[in-house]
Amino acid sequence: MRTGIAGTPWLRRHLMHLPRMPAEMRDWLLDPASLTARLKAVCSGNFRVDLLEQRHLLPRPCEAADLGISPGRYALVRQVRLLCDREAWVFARTVIPEETLRGPQRRLRYLKTRPLGEVLFSSPTLTRARVTIERLVPGGALYALAASGIRRNAPAIWGRRSLFVVGGKRLLVSEYFLPGIPPCRP
């Protein structure tokens, strides 16, 4: 799935309204390919997934809206850090509705420390339906989750929230790029 999302009209309109995006974040945020594959290519050391939490929770209201589920419905929420050597580069939060976890996608329930990107981007049915760029600032609950355990202070954390459809079923993946991540090379 190598489609150029940066050229789509909705994304161009969305980018015009963003606060000043740091140049070193632009390529990370706009890359349409697998983040896992790109991180592994950039990491010259040991890449790994640190599973922070995986359980059924109520999605945030904006997540439920993106997934088209009722605000009171639980979903499987998986939160991880993607690390190069011992440095956290990405905080990721995945929200998977219960109906998505039926059939072939039930394997998503059992990933443990396996990268989600390896599973998703190996599926011929995968499409990225929508991407939203986000800027987290101190004081917000999601900022606190993303920034917990990092060594460097971050005045803002940039990320993207992608709505994926695999096998006709939806899931939401949010990826937040932490201060330790090196600039992305196109």
Protein backbone atom coordinates (compact mmCIF):
# COMPACT_ATOMS: atom_id res chain seq x y z
CA MET A 1 0.00 0.00 0.00
CA ARG A 2 2.16 2.85 -1.25
CA THR A 3 -0.24 5.65 -1.96
CA GLY A 4 0.82 9.26 -1.67
CA ILE A 5 -1.40 10.70 1.04
CA ALA A 6 0.43 14.04 0.95
CA GLY A 7 -1.06 14.78 -2.47
CA THR A 8 -4.66 14.22 -1.51
CA PRO A 9 -6.82 17.37 -1.38
CA TRP A 10 -8.19 16.67 2.14
CA LEU A 11 -4.68 16.42 3.55
CA ARG A 12 -3.47 19.58 1.82
CA ARG A 13 -6.43 21.46 3.32
CA HIS A 14 -5.77 19.90 6.74
CA LEU A 15 -2.08 20.87 6.68
CA MET A 16 -2.86 24.52 5.99
CA HIS A 17 -4.58 24.77 9.36
CA LEU A 18 -1.85 23.13 11.44
CA PRO A 19 0.36 25.12 13.76
CA ARG A 20 3.91 25.19 12.47
CA MET A 21 4.89 21.59 12.02
CA PRO A 22 8.61 21.01 12.69
CA ALA A 23 10.39 20.10 9.45
CA GLU A 24 11.96 17.02 11.05
CA MET A 25 8.46 15.65 11.82
CA ARG A 26 6.92 16.24 8.40
CA ASP A 27 8.20 13.06 6.72
CA TRP A 28 7.35 10.89 9.73
CA LEU A 29 3.81 12.28 9.86
CA LEU A 30 3.09 12.07 6.14
CA ASP A 31 4.68 8.72 5.29
CA PRO A 32 1.93 6.41 3.93
CA ALA A 33 3.95 3.20 4.38
CA SER A 34 4.45 0.99 7.43
CA LEU A 35 5.88 2.93 10.36
CA THR A 36 7.26 -0.33 11.76
CA ALA A 37 9.25 -1.02 8.60
CA ARG A 38 10.59 2.52 8.49
CA LEU A 39 11.61 2.51 12.15
CA LYS A 40 13.40 -0.82 11.72
CA ALA A 41 15.28 0.60 8.71
CA VAL A 42 16.34 3.73 10.65
CA CYS A 43 17.19 1.99 13.93
CA SER A 44 20.78 0.78 13.79
CA GLY A 45 20.37 -1.00 17.11
CA ASN A 46 17.73 -3.20 18.68
CA PHE A 47 14.14 -2.36 17.65
CA ARG A 48 11.43 -3.64 19.96
CA VAL A 49 7.85 -3.14 21.07
CA ASP A 50 7.20 -2.44 24.75
CA LEU A 51 3.61 -3.43 25.55
CA LEU A 52 2.32 -0.97 28.15
CA GLU A 53 -1.31 -2.03 28.31
CA GLN A 54 -3.88 -4.04 26.42
CA ARG A 55 -7.43 -4.32 27.70
CA HIS A 56 -11.03 -3.47 26.97
CA LEU A 57 -11.73 0.20 27.62
CA LEU A 58 -14.13 2.88 26.52
CA PRO A 59 -12.50 4.68 23.59
CA ARG A 60 -12.07 8.44 23.81
CA PRO A 61 -15.11 10.20 22.28
CA CYS A 62 -13.12 11.27 19.19
CA GLU A 63 -11.89 7.68 18.71
CA ALA A 64 -15.42 6.27 18.94
CA ALA A 65 -16.58 8.86 16.41
CA ASP A 66 -13.74 8.00 14.00
CA LEU A 67 -14.60 4.30 14.27
CA GLY A 68 -18.34 4.90 13.93
CA ILE A 69 -19.16 3.14 17.21
CA SER A 70 -21.40 4.27 20.04
CA PRO A 71 -19.59 6.26 22.75
CA GLY A 72 -20.58 3.72 25.42
CA ARG A 73 -19.18 0.64 23.61
CA TYR A 74 -15.98 -0.94 24.80
CA ALA A 75 -13.13 -1.76 22.44
CA LEU A 76 -9.75 -3.43 22.77
CA VAL A 77 -7.17 -0.71 23.45
CA ARG A 78 -3.50 -1.51 23.01
CA GLN A 79 -0.83 0.97 24.09
CA VAL A 80 2.82 0.42 23.24
CA ARG A 81 6.13 2.18 22.94
CA LEU A 82 8.33 1.52 19.94
CA LEU A 83 11.96 1.63 20.97
CA CYS A 84 15.35 1.71 19.31
CA ASP A 85 17.84 0.28 21.76
CA ARG A 86 16.40 1.58 25.02
CA GLU A 87 15.09 4.90 23.73
CA ALA A 88 11.36 5.36 23.15
CA TRP A 89 10.78 6.79 19.68
CA VAL A 90 7.00 6.36 19.35
CA PHE A 91 4.01 5.99 21.65
CA ALA A 92 1.20 4.17 19.84
CA ARG A 93 -2.41 3.62 20.84
CA THR A 94 -4.61 1.23 18.87
CA VAL A 95 -8.38 0.99 19.31
CA ILE A 96 -10.01 -2.13 17.87
CA PRO A 97 -13.80 -2.54 18.00
CA GLU A 98 -15.03 -5.94 19.14
CA GLU A 99 -16.59 -6.68 15.72
CA THR A 100 -13.17 -6.23 14.09
CA LEU A 101 -11.75 -8.98 16.33
CA ARG A 102 -13.94 -11.64 14.72
CA GLY A 103 -12.85 -13.84 11.84
CA PRO A 104 -9.28 -13.56 10.49
CA GLN A 105 -8.63 -10.33 12.44
CA ARG A 106 -9.06 -12.09 15.79
CA ARG A 107 -5.26 -12.57 15.68
CA LEU A 108 -4.94 -8.86 16.51
CA ARG A 109 -6.00 -9.77 20.04
CA TYR A 110 -2.82 -11.83 20.53
CA LEU A 111 -0.01 -9.59 19.27
CA LYS A 112 1.76 -9.14 22.63
CA THR A 113 5.10 -7.53 21.63
CA ARG A 114 4.77 -8.22 17.91
CA PRO A 115 4.54 -4.98 15.90
CA LEU A 116 1.01 -4.27 14.67
CA GLY A 117 2.43 -2.85 11.42
CA GLU A 118 3.88 -6.25 10.48
CA VAL A 119 0.41 -7.78 10.61
CA LEU A 120 -1.53 -4.91 9.04
CA PHE A 121 0.79 -4.17 6.14
CA SER A 122 1.03 -7.86 5.22
CA SER A 123 -2.71 -7.91 4.48
CA PRO A 124 -3.70 -7.42 0.83
CA THR A 125 -7.04 -5.98 2.01
CA LEU A 126 -5.52 -3.12 4.02
CA THR A 127 -6.50 0.47 3.21
CA ARG A 128 -5.79 3.63 5.15
CA ALA A 129 -9.12 5.43 5.02
CA ARG A 130 -8.15 8.66 6.77
CA VAL A 131 -5.24 10.34 8.54
CA THR A 132 -5.49 13.16 11.05
CA ILE A 133 -2.41 15.04 12.21
CA GLU A 134 -2.39 15.89 15.93
CA ARG A 135 -0.29 18.08 18.20
CA LEU A 136 -0.36 17.15 21.88
CA VAL A 137 0.59 19.76 24.45
CA PRO A 138 1.34 19.48 28.17
CA GLY A 139 -1.72 19.35 30.37
CA GLY A 140 -3.71 16.94 28.21
CA ALA A 141 -4.39 13.35 29.26
CA LEU A 142 -3.07 11.92 26.01
CA TYR A 143 0.09 14.03 26.26
CA ALA A 144 0.64 12.62 29.76
CA LEU A 145 0.28 9.05 28.44
CA ALA A 146 2.62 9.64 25.50
CA ALA A 147 5.25 11.50 27.54
CA SER A 148 5.34 9.20 30.56
CA GLY A 149 8.72 7.60 30.93
CA ILE A 150 10.57 9.71 28.37
CA ARG A 151 13.78 11.44 29.38
CA ARG A 152 13.52 14.62 27.33
CA ASN A 153 11.04 17.41 27.91
CA ALA A 154 8.73 18.02 24.97
CA PRO A 155 6.84 21.30 24.56
CA ALA A 156 4.62 19.43 22.09
CA ILE A 157 4.34 15.90 20.73
CA TRP A 158 3.30 15.46 17.11
CA GLY A 159 1.38 12.44 15.93
CA ARG A 160 -1.04 11.03 13.44
CA ARG A 161 -4.25 9.08 13.84
CA SER A 162 -4.99 6.65 11.02
CA LEU A 163 -8.27 4.89 10.37
CA PHE A 164 -7.45 1.55 8.78
CA VAL A 165 -9.82 -0.90 7.13
CA VAL A 166 -8.64 -4.50 6.91
CA GLY A 167 -10.92 -7.23 5.62
CA GLY A 168 -13.75 -4.67 5.62
CA LYS A 169 -13.30 -4.00 9.35
CA ARG A 170 -12.09 -0.80 11.03
CA LEU A 171 -9.39 -0.06 13.56
CA LEU A 172 -7.77 3.16 14.69
CA VAL A 173 -4.01 3.58 15.13
CA SER A 174 -2.53 6.69 16.77
CA GLU A 175 1.24 7.15 16.57
CA TYR A 176 2.98 9.93 18.52
CA PHE A 177 6.60 10.75 17.72
CA LEU A 178 8.64 11.29 20.87
CA PRO A 179 11.59 13.69 21.30
CA GLY A 180 14.24 10.95 20.93
CA ILE A 181 13.27 10.03 17.37
CA PRO A 182 15.82 11.12 14.75
CA PRO A 183 14.74 13.28 11.80
CA CYS A 184 13.15 11.18 9.07
CA ARG A 185 14.87 11.00 5.72
CA PRO A 186 12.59 10.73 2.67
